[in-house]
């Protein structure tokens, strides 16, 4: 692939948000992690899911809530986080709390 065709391909793949000057997923996820950590005082471990919506962004964020020894006994929580299209946090809610070493029970149907 030539340099010119790469640039054309990249331009063709730009989303509406890119052309409107809105931040992309990487910038939004980075900003969401920082904002949630500042508001909760907790350590954000990871973003386990994200989706762009008509109103902005919806994320599921894993947060370290309580450090224990051994580490597999530490308590983590999943938060749902909503952001506006610019990536500013508009709300969050803890939806699950679990020990690091425990997996979710299997769901019927293998899901």
Protein backbone atom coordinates (compact mmCIF):
# COMPACT_ATOMS: atom_id res chain seq x y z
CA UNK A 1 0.00 0.00 0.00
CA UNK A 2 1.43 3.37 -0.96
CA UNK A 3 1.67 6.37 1.33
CA UNK A 4 -1.06 8.16 -0.65
CA UNK A 5 -3.49 5.24 -0.50
CA UNK A 6 -2.92 4.91 3.26
CA UNK A 7 -3.82 8.57 3.79
CA UNK A 8 -6.93 8.20 1.61
CA UNK A 9 -7.97 5.09 3.53
CA UNK A 10 -7.44 6.85 6.87
CA UNK A 11 -9.50 9.84 5.72
CA UNK A 12 -12.30 7.56 4.53
CA UNK A 13 -12.43 5.90 7.96
CA UNK A 14 -12.95 9.14 9.90
CA UNK A 15 -16.17 9.17 11.88
CA UNK A 16 -18.64 12.02 12.20
CA UNK A 17 -17.19 12.74 15.66
CA UNK A 18 -13.69 13.08 14.18
CA UNK A 19 -14.87 15.69 11.70
CA UNK A 20 -16.79 17.61 14.39
CA UNK A 21 -13.66 17.97 16.53
CA UNK A 22 -14.89 15.62 19.26
CA UNK A 23 -12.36 13.44 21.11
CA UNK A 24 -11.87 9.86 19.99
CA UNK A 25 -12.21 6.74 22.15
CA UNK A 26 -8.65 6.74 23.53
CA UNK A 27 -8.87 10.33 24.72
CA UNK A 28 -12.35 9.78 26.18
CA UNK A 29 -11.31 6.64 28.07
CA UNK A 30 -8.19 8.32 29.45
CA UNK A 31 -10.23 11.33 30.58
CA UNK A 32 -12.95 9.14 32.13
CA UNK A 33 -10.37 7.20 34.17
CA UNK A 34 -8.85 10.42 35.50
CA UNK A 35 -12.21 12.00 36.37
CA UNK A 36 -13.59 8.91 38.11
CA UNK A 37 -10.39 8.44 40.14
CA UNK A 38 -10.52 12.07 41.24
CA UNK A 39 -14.19 11.92 42.22
CA UNK A 40 -14.07 8.59 44.07
CA UNK A 41 -10.54 8.69 45.45
CA UNK A 42 -10.15 5.11 44.21
CA UNK A 43 -7.69 3.53 41.78
CA UNK A 44 -9.14 2.83 38.35
CA UNK A 45 -7.85 -0.54 37.15
CA UNK A 46 -9.34 -0.73 33.66
CA UNK A 47 -12.19 0.10 31.33
CA UNK A 48 -13.95 -3.17 30.55
CA UNK A 49 -16.41 -1.81 27.98
CA UNK A 50 -17.34 1.41 26.23
CA UNK A 51 -19.88 2.56 23.69
CA UNK A 52 -20.50 5.82 21.88
CA UNK A 53 -24.16 6.84 22.20
CA UNK A 54 -26.33 9.67 20.92
CA UNK A 55 -25.83 11.45 24.28
CA UNK A 56 -22.08 10.80 24.58
CA UNK A 57 -20.43 7.69 26.00
CA UNK A 58 -21.34 4.76 28.29
CA UNK A 59 -18.51 2.89 30.01
CA UNK A 60 -18.00 0.05 32.46
CA UNK A 61 -14.97 0.78 34.65
CA UNK A 62 -13.23 -1.57 37.08
CA UNK A 63 -12.08 0.16 40.29
CA UNK A 64 -9.88 -1.10 43.14
CA UNK A 65 -11.88 -0.32 46.28
CA UNK A 66 -10.07 -2.20 49.03
CA UNK A 67 -6.52 -3.57 48.99
CA UNK A 68 -6.08 -6.89 50.79
CA UNK A 69 -3.29 -9.42 51.21
CA UNK A 70 -3.08 -11.60 49.24
CA UNK A 71 -3.94 -9.44 46.24
CA UNK A 72 -6.48 -12.00 45.00
CA UNK A 73 -8.67 -11.06 47.98
CA UNK A 74 -8.72 -7.33 47.14
CA UNK A 75 -12.17 -5.88 46.50
CA UNK A 76 -12.92 -4.42 43.10
CA UNK A 77 -16.08 -2.83 41.78
CA UNK A 78 -17.63 -2.24 38.39
CA UNK A 79 -18.98 1.26 37.82
CA UNK A 80 -21.19 2.38 34.98
CA UNK A 81 -19.98 5.78 33.84
CA UNK A 82 -21.68 8.21 31.48
CA UNK A 83 -19.92 11.03 29.65
CA UNK A 84 -21.06 13.79 27.36
CA UNK A 85 -19.80 13.87 23.73
CA UNK A 86 -16.73 15.91 24.78
CA UNK A 87 -15.73 13.28 27.37
CA UNK A 88 -16.80 15.09 30.54
CA UNK A 89 -18.20 12.78 33.20
CA UNK A 90 -21.92 13.32 33.76
CA UNK A 91 -22.63 10.45 36.16
CA UNK A 92 -21.46 7.18 37.66
CA UNK A 93 -22.90 4.32 39.70
CA UNK A 94 -21.42 1.22 41.30
CA UNK A 95 -23.21 -1.83 39.90
CA UNK A 96 -21.10 -4.72 41.18
CA UNK A 97 -18.54 -5.48 43.88
CA UNK A 98 -16.33 -8.57 43.85
CA UNK A 99 -13.07 -10.13 45.03
CA UNK A 100 -10.27 -9.97 42.48
CA UNK A 101 -9.74 -13.75 42.52
CA UNK A 102 -13.36 -14.70 41.88
CA UNK A 103 -14.91 -15.26 38.47
CA UNK A 104 -18.57 -14.67 37.70
CA UNK A 105 -20.69 -17.82 37.89
CA UNK A 106 -21.44 -19.38 34.50
CA UNK A 107 -24.60 -18.12 32.84
CA UNK A 108 -27.23 -20.46 31.45
CA UNK A 109 -26.64 -21.05 27.76
CA UNK A 110 -22.88 -20.58 28.08
CA UNK A 111 -22.91 -16.72 28.07
